[in-house]
C-alpha atoms as a PDB file:
ATOM      1  CA  UNK A   1     202.436 153.760  35.944  1.00  0.00           C
ATOM      2  CA  UNK A   2     199.215 153.432  33.964  1.00  0.00           C
ATOM      3  CA  UNK A   3     196.630 151.276  35.737  1.00  0.00           C
ATOM      4  CA  UNK A   4     194.177 149.156  33.750  1.00  0.00           C
ATOM      5  CA  UNK A   5     191.434 147.346  35.661  1.00  0.00           C
ATOM      6  CA  UNK A   6     189.662 144.483  33.875  1.00  0.00           C
ATOM      7  CA  UNK A   7     186.406 143.188  35.360  1.00  0.00           C
ATOM      8  CA  UNK A   8     184.994 140.035  33.798  1.00  0.00           C
ATOM      9  CA  UNK A   9     181.759 138.171  34.316  1.00  0.00           C
ATOM     10  CA  UNK A  10     178.531 137.269  32.564  1.00  0.00           C
ATOM     11  CA  UNK A  11     175.595 139.645  32.367  1.00  0.00           C
ATOM     12  CA  UNK A  12     173.896 140.041  35.751  1.00  0.00           C
ATOM     13  CA  UNK A  13     176.858 139.347  38.047  1.00  0.00           C
ATOM     14  CA  UNK A  14     177.506 143.054  38.658  1.00  0.00           C
ATOM     15  CA  UNK A  15     180.476 144.092  36.514  1.00  0.00           C
ATOM     16  CA  UNK A  16     178.946 147.488  35.669  1.00  0.00           C
ATOM     17  CA  UNK A  17     178.118 148.289  39.299  1.00  0.00           C
ATOM     18  CA  UNK A  18     181.619 147.460  40.504  1.00  0.00           C
ATOM     19  CA  UNK A  19     183.239 149.322  37.596  1.00  0.00           C
ATOM     20  CA  UNK A  20     181.242 152.476  38.344  1.00  0.00           C
ATOM     21  CA  UNK A  21     182.077 152.280  42.042  1.00  0.00           C
ATOM     22  CA  UNK A  22     185.775 151.885  41.280  1.00  0.00           C
ATOM     23  CA  UNK A  23     185.572 154.820  38.898  1.00  0.00           C
ATOM     24  CA  UNK A  24     184.169 157.061  41.648  1.00  0.00           C
ATOM     25  CA  UNK A  25     186.585 155.909  44.332  1.00  0.00           C
ATOM     26  CA  UNK A  26     189.720 156.203  42.211  1.00  0.00           C
ATOM     27  CA  UNK A  27     188.774 159.054  39.914  1.00  0.00           C
ATOM     28  CA  UNK A  28     189.151 156.932  36.793  1.00  0.00           C
ATOM     29  CA  UNK A  29     187.072 158.686  34.152  1.00  0.00           C
ATOM     30  CA  UNK A  30     187.554 156.152  31.359  1.00  0.00           C
ATOM     31  CA  UNK A  31     185.150 153.240  31.900  1.00  0.00           C
ATOM     32  CA  UNK A  32     184.395 151.024  28.905  1.00  0.00           C
ATOM     33  CA  UNK A  33     181.817 148.249  28.588  1.00  0.00           C
ATOM     34  CA  UNK A  34     182.793 145.514  26.162  1.00  0.00           C
ATOM     35  CA  UNK A  35     179.178 145.467  24.943  1.00  0.00           C
ATOM     36  CA  UNK A  36     179.773 149.000  23.648  1.00  0.00           C
ATOM     37  CA  UNK A  37     182.857 147.828  21.781  1.00  0.00           C
ATOM     38  CA  UNK A  38     180.768 145.070  20.222  1.00  0.00           C
ATOM     39  CA  UNK A  39     178.192 147.626  19.068  1.00  0.00           C
ATOM     40  CA  UNK A  40     180.896 149.748  17.441  1.00  0.00           C
ATOM     41  CA  UNK A  41     182.284 146.708  15.642  1.00  0.00           C
ATOM     42  CA  UNK A  42     178.788 145.867  14.421  1.00  0.00           C
ATOM     43  CA  UNK A  43     178.579 149.234  12.668  1.00  0.00           C
ATOM     44  CA  UNK A  44     181.851 148.498  10.892  1.00  0.00           C
ATOM     45  CA  UNK A  45     181.416 144.780  10.193  1.00  0.00           C
ATOM     46  CA  UNK A  46     178.077 143.853   8.696  1.00  0.00           C
ATOM     47  CA  UNK A  47     175.941 140.897   9.691  1.00  0.00           C
ATOM     48  CA  UNK A  48     176.659 139.423   6.274  1.00  0.00           C
ATOM     49  CA  UNK A  49     180.419 139.396   6.880  1.00  0.00           C
ATOM     50  CA  UNK A  50     180.311 138.364  10.557  1.00  0.00           C
ATOM     51  CA  UNK A  51     176.925 136.976  11.605  1.00  0.00           C
ATOM     52  CA  UNK A  52     178.297 135.692  14.916  1.00  0.00           C
ATOM     53  CA  UNK A  53     179.344 139.205  15.952  1.00  0.00           C
ATOM     54  CA  UNK A  54     175.706 140.220  15.647  1.00  0.00           C
ATOM     55  CA  UNK A  55     174.633 137.588  18.167  1.00  0.00           C
ATOM     56  CA  UNK A  56     175.118 137.763  21.939  1.00  0.00           C
ATOM     57  CA  UNK A  57     177.916 135.942  23.738  1.00  0.00           C
ATOM     58  CA  UNK A  58     175.495 133.384  25.194  1.00  0.00           C
ATOM     59  CA  UNK A  59     173.621 132.516  21.976  1.00  0.00           C
ATOM     60  CA  UNK A  60     176.354 132.838  19.357  1.00  0.00           C
ATOM     61  CA  UNK A  61     176.391 129.043  19.088  1.00  0.00           C
ATOM     62  CA  UNK A  62     173.074 129.174  17.244  1.00  0.00           C
ATOM     63  CA  UNK A  63     174.795 130.063  13.982  1.00  0.00           C
ATOM     64  CA  UNK A  64     177.922 127.904  14.235  1.00  0.00           C
ATOM     65  CA  UNK A  65     176.628 125.907  11.268  1.00  0.00           C
ATOM     66  CA  UNK A  66     177.033 129.044   9.157  1.00  0.00           C
ATOM     67  CA  UNK A  67     180.769 128.778   9.812  1.00  0.00           C
ATOM     68  CA  UNK A  68     180.954 125.148   8.791  1.00  0.00           C
ATOM     69  CA  UNK A  69     180.964 123.655  12.283  1.00  0.00           C
ATOM     70  CA  UNK A  70     179.525 120.175  12.613  1.00  0.00           C
ATOM     71  CA  UNK A  71     177.588 120.543  15.871  1.00  0.00           C
ATOM     72  CA  UNK A  72     175.616 117.291  15.988  1.00  0.00           C
ATOM     73  CA  UNK A  73     176.564 115.221  19.008  1.00  0.00           C
ATOM     74  CA  UNK A  74     177.879 118.122  21.083  1.00  0.00           C
ATOM     75  CA  UNK A  75     176.111 118.967  24.335  1.00  0.00           C
ATOM     76  CA  UNK A  76     174.785 122.434  25.177  1.00  0.00           C
ATOM     77  CA  UNK A  77     177.763 123.340  27.356  1.00  0.00           C
ATOM     78  CA  UNK A  78     180.250 122.656  24.571  1.00  0.00           C
ATOM     79  CA  UNK A  79     178.161 124.524  22.011  1.00  0.00           C
ATOM     80  CA  UNK A  80     177.649 127.614  24.158  1.00  0.00           C
ATOM     81  CA  UNK A  81     181.332 127.687  25.047  1.00  0.00           C
ATOM     82  CA  UNK A  82     182.469 127.320  21.443  1.00  0.00           C
ATOM     83  CA  UNK A  83     180.067 130.024  20.291  1.00  0.00           C
ATOM     84  CA  UNK A  84     181.247 132.306  23.080  1.00  0.00           C
ATOM     85  CA  UNK A  85     184.926 131.929  22.184  1.00  0.00           C
ATOM     86  CA  UNK A  86     184.215 132.491  18.499  1.00  0.00           C
ATOM     87  CA  UNK A  87     182.083 135.542  19.321  1.00  0.00           C
ATOM     88  CA  UNK A  88     184.597 137.323  21.578  1.00  0.00           C
ATOM     89  CA  UNK A  89     187.610 137.090  19.257  1.00  0.00           C
ATOM     90  CA  UNK A  90     187.255 140.476  17.480  1.00  0.00           C
ATOM     91  CA  UNK A  91     186.257 142.200  20.724  1.00  0.00           C
ATOM     92  CA  UNK A  92     189.334 140.872  22.512  1.00  0.00           C
ATOM     93  CA  UNK A  93     191.510 142.330  19.746  1.00  0.00           C
ATOM     94  CA  UNK A  94     189.809 145.693  20.220  1.00  0.00           C
ATOM     95  CA  UNK A  95     190.320 145.567  23.992  1.00  0.00           C
ATOM     96  CA  UNK A  96     194.036 144.924  23.473  1.00  0.00           C
ATOM     97  CA  UNK A  97     194.297 147.946  21.164  1.00  0.00           C
ATOM     98  CA  UNK A  98     192.519 150.165  23.689  1.00  0.00           C
ATOM     99  CA  UNK A  99     194.862 149.069  26.467  1.00  0.00           C
ATOM    100  CA  UNK A 100     197.868 149.872  24.288  1.00  0.00           C
ATOM    101  CA  UNK A 101     196.409 153.329  23.615  1.00  0.00           C
ATOM    102  CA  UNK A 102     195.866 153.889  27.355  1.00  0.00           C
ATOM    103  CA  UNK A 103     199.547 153.132  27.884  1.00  0.00           C
ATOM    104  CA  UNK A 104     200.578 155.584  25.180  1.00  0.00           C
ATOM    105  CA  UNK A 105     198.345 158.307  26.632  1.00  0.00           C
ATOM    106  CA  UNK A 106     199.222 157.438  30.254  1.00  0.00           C
ATOM    107  CA  UNK A 107     195.537 157.218  31.104  1.00  0.00           C
ATOM    108  CA  UNK A 108     194.076 154.938  33.764  1.00  0.00           C
ATOM    109  CA  UNK A 109     191.266 152.752  32.456  1.00  0.00           C
ATOM    110  CA  UNK A 110     188.515 150.376  33.557  1.00  0.00           C
ATOM    111  CA  UNK A 111     187.097 147.819  31.123  1.00  0.00           C
ATOM    112  CA  UNK A 112     184.257 145.519  32.131  1.00  0.00           C
ATOM    113  CA  UNK A 113     182.152 142.844  30.522  1.00  0.00           C
ATOM    114  CA  UNK A 114     181.583 139.237  29.571  1.00  0.00           C
ATOM    115  CA  UNK A 115     184.085 139.368  26.698  1.00  0.00           C
ATOM    116  CA  UNK A 116     187.057 139.575  29.087  1.00  0.00           C
ATOM    117  CA  UNK A 117     188.008 135.917  29.106  1.00  0.00           C
ATOM    118  CA  UNK A 118     191.062 134.782  31.100  1.00  0.00           C
ATOM    119  CA  UNK A 119     193.672 133.317  28.788  1.00  0.00           C
ATOM    120  CA  UNK A 120     192.345 135.133  25.719  1.00  0.00           C
ATOM    121  CA  UNK A 121     193.997 138.504  26.349  1.00  0.00           C
ATOM    122  CA  UNK A 122     197.651 138.541  25.348  1.00  0.00           C
ATOM    123  CA  UNK A 123     199.169 141.381  27.347  1.00  0.00           C
ATOM    124  CA  UNK A 124     202.603 139.848  27.937  1.00  0.00           C
ATOM    125  CA  UNK A 125     204.387 142.691  26.130  1.00  0.00           C
ATOM    126  CA  UNK A 126     202.736 145.260  28.402  1.00  0.00           C
ATOM    127  CA  UNK A 127     202.918 143.510  31.771  1.00  0.00           C
ATOM    128  CA  UNK A 128     206.048 145.405  32.829  1.00  0.00           C
ATOM    129  CA  UNK A 129     204.741 148.732  31.500  1.00  0.00           C
ATOM    130  CA  UNK A 130     201.177 148.758  32.824  1.00  0.00           C
ATOM    131  CA  UNK A 131     199.711 147.866  36.199  1.00  0.00           C
ATOM    132  CA  UNK A 132     197.027 145.431  35.046  1.00  0.00           C
ATOM    133  CA  UNK A 133     194.433 144.259  37.586  1.00  0.00           C
ATOM    134  CA  UNK A 134     192.172 141.499  36.272  1.00  0.00           C
ATOM    135  CA  UNK A 135     189.445 139.705  38.204  1.00  0.00           C
ATOM    136  CA  UNK A 136     186.177 137.871  37.597  1.00  0.00           C
ATOM    137  CA  UNK A 137     183.006 138.517  39.584  1.00  0.00           C
ATOM    138  CA  UNK A 138     180.747 135.631  40.561  1.00  0.00           C
ATOM    139  CA  UNK A 139     177.413 134.867  42.213  1.00  0.00           C
ATOM    140  CA  UNK A 140     175.594 131.601  42.752  1.00  0.00           C
ATOM    141  CA  UNK A 141     172.914 130.443  40.308  1.00  0.00           C
ATOM    142  CA  UNK A 142     169.888 131.381  42.450  1.00  0.00           C
ATOM    143  CA  UNK A 143     171.159 134.882  43.201  1.00  0.00           C
ATOM    144  CA  UNK A 144     172.005 135.390  39.553  1.00  0.00           C
ATOM    145  CA  UNK A 145     168.484 134.425  38.464  1.00  0.00           C
ATOM    146  CA  UNK A 146     166.873 136.632  41.120  1.00  0.00           C
ATOM    147  CA  UNK A 147     168.819 139.623  39.813  1.00  0.00           C
ATOM    148  CA  UNK A 148     167.345 139.122  36.367  1.00  0.00           C
ATOM    149  CA  UNK A 149     163.865 138.808  37.890  1.00  0.00           C
ATOM    150  CA  UNK A 150     164.407 142.106  39.699  1.00  0.00           C
ATOM    151  CA  UNK A 151     165.492 143.712  36.459  1.00  0.00           C
ATOM    152  CA  UNK A 152     162.339 142.429  34.754  1.00  0.00           C
ATOM    153  CA  UNK A 153     160.179 144.226  37.329  1.00  0.00           C
ATOM    154  CA  UNK A 154     161.886 147.451  36.302  1.00  0.00           C
ATOM    155  CA  UNK A 155     161.487 146.533  32.627  1.00  0.00           C
ATOM    156  CA  UNK A 156     165.202 146.875  31.956  1.00  0.00           C
ATOM    157  CA  UNK A 157     166.645 146.296  28.493  1.00  0.00           C
ATOM    158  CA  UNK A 158     167.062 142.690  27.288  1.00  0.00           C
ATOM    159  CA  UNK A 159     165.854 141.194  30.583  1.00  0.00           C
ATOM    160  CA  UNK A 160     163.228 138.986  28.958  1.00  0.00           C
ATOM    161  CA  UNK A 161     165.860 137.542  26.647  1.00  0.00           C
ATOM    162  CA  UNK A 162     168.306 137.086  29.526  1.00  0.00           C
ATOM    163  CA  UNK A 163     165.716 135.071  31.434  1.00  0.00           C
ATOM    164  CA  UNK A 164     165.001 132.968  28.354  1.00  0.00           C
ATOM    165  CA  UNK A 165     168.696 132.250  27.896  1.00  0.00           C
ATOM    166  CA  UNK A 166     169.565 132.057  31.587  1.00  0.00           C
ATOM    167  CA  UNK A 167     170.946 128.515  31.363  1.00  0.00           C
ATOM    168  CA  UNK A 168     173.264 129.615  28.577  1.00  0.00           C
ATOM    169  CA  UNK A 169     174.411 132.664  30.538  1.00  0.00           C
ATOM    170  CA  UNK A 170     175.245 130.411  33.486  1.00  0.00           C
ATOM    171  CA  UNK A 171     177.268 128.122  31.226  1.00  0.00           C
ATOM    172  CA  UNK A 172     179.271 131.149  30.095  1.00  0.00           C
ATOM    173  CA  UNK A 173     179.758 132.302  33.686  1.00  0.00           C
ATOM    174  CA  UNK A 174     180.939 128.881  34.836  1.00  0.00           C
ATOM    175  CA  UNK A 175     183.345 128.742  31.899  1.00  0.00           C
ATOM    176  CA  UNK A 176     184.798 132.119  32.919  1.00  0.00           C
ATOM    177  CA  UNK A 177     185.281 130.863  36.476  1.00  0.00           C
ATOM    178  CA  UNK A 178     187.015 127.717  35.236  1.00  0.00           C
ATOM    179  CA  UNK A 179     189.309 129.747  32.988  1.00  0.00           C
ATOM    180  CA  UNK A 180     190.053 132.188  35.806  1.00  0.00           C
ATOM    181  CA  UNK A 181     191.180 129.364  38.072  1.00  0.00           C
ATOM    182  CA  UNK A 182     193.294 127.871  35.296  1.00  0.00           C
ATOM    183  CA  UNK A 183     195.065 131.187  34.661  1.00  0.00           C
ATOM    184  CA  UNK A 184     195.330 132.304  38.301  1.00  0.00           C
ATOM    185  CA  UNK A 185     192.908 135.197  37.867  1.00  0.00           C
ATOM    186  CA  UNK A 186     191.128 136.108  41.138  1.00  0.00           C
ATOM    187  CA  UNK A 187     187.422 135.286  41.429  1.00  0.00           C
ATOM    188  CA  UNK A 188     185.504 137.630  43.733  1.00  0.00           C
ATOM    189  CA  UNK A 189     182.012 136.786  45.061  1.00  0.00           C
ATOM    190  CA  UNK A 190     179.658 139.725  44.530  1.00  0.00           C
ATOM    191  CA  UNK A 191     176.745 139.729  46.976  1.00  0.00           C
ATOM    192  CA  UNK A 192     177.205 143.003  48.872  1.00  0.00           C
ATOM    193  CA  UNK A 193     178.821 146.086  47.343  1.00  0.00           C
ATOM    194  CA  UNK A 194     180.796 147.012  50.465  1.00  0.00           C
ATOM    195  CA  UNK A 195     182.220 143.530  50.910  1.00  0.00           C
ATOM    196  CA  UNK A 196     183.072 143.108  47.244  1.00  0.00           C
ATOM    197  CA  UNK A 197     184.708 146.539  47.122  1.00  0.00           C
ATOM    198  CA  UNK A 198     186.857 145.620  50.120  1.00  0.00           C
ATOM    199  CA  UNK A 199     188.132 142.596  48.199  1.00  0.00           C
ATOM    200  CA  UNK A 200     188.569 144.597  45.011  1.00  0.00           C
ATOM    201  CA  UNK A 201     190.502 147.352  46.788  1.00  0.00           C
ATOM    202  CA  UNK A 202     193.009 144.792  48.018  1.00  0.00           C
ATOM    203  CA  UNK A 203     193.753 143.871  44.409  1.00  0.00           C
ATOM    204  CA  UNK A 204     193.787 147.437  43.099  1.00  0.00           C
ATOM    205  CA  UNK A 205     195.991 148.795  45.871  1.00  0.00           C
ATOM    206  CA  UNK A 206     198.588 146.034  45.976  1.00  0.00           C
END
């Protein structure tokens, strides 16, 4: 049976690291970042036609007014969450299509990224045809911030912006955790690669 592993979590919690480790351990050659899917969609759908797609998941709320949303009176948490959900919609549709193609081709697949939101993926028609493993990675606020600081020392891409929007990224992460609990999706703490992989292997091998 085709196995599809979905790894969700905000930027900086370690989804890419865990995805790459799983790829090596299980020989799964197809690893897809949802950020890459977003970039592909941006080449197809212009900023003029979908300005929110050309924002990041954590700052998409900044242009909600362009879509006719009345945002006065809403707190930052509500705004970030609404922008996030609006932003991920086309990417979620693309993820679903890719999973269907993996089933048709009988190819195992790993997809990771912030756009994998529990409750947003409708895979009910495939649940008896594909072995789907879905979990969310998590770290506490201080550890999360320190990881971005470490990235900044290595001058990694987008780190300055991530630090500037750190509060917004944490709001997105906490929303993912809340949704995971609501939809019975496992949440795995990610502080040490060996420990987290032990927990992940239990899910993958069940």
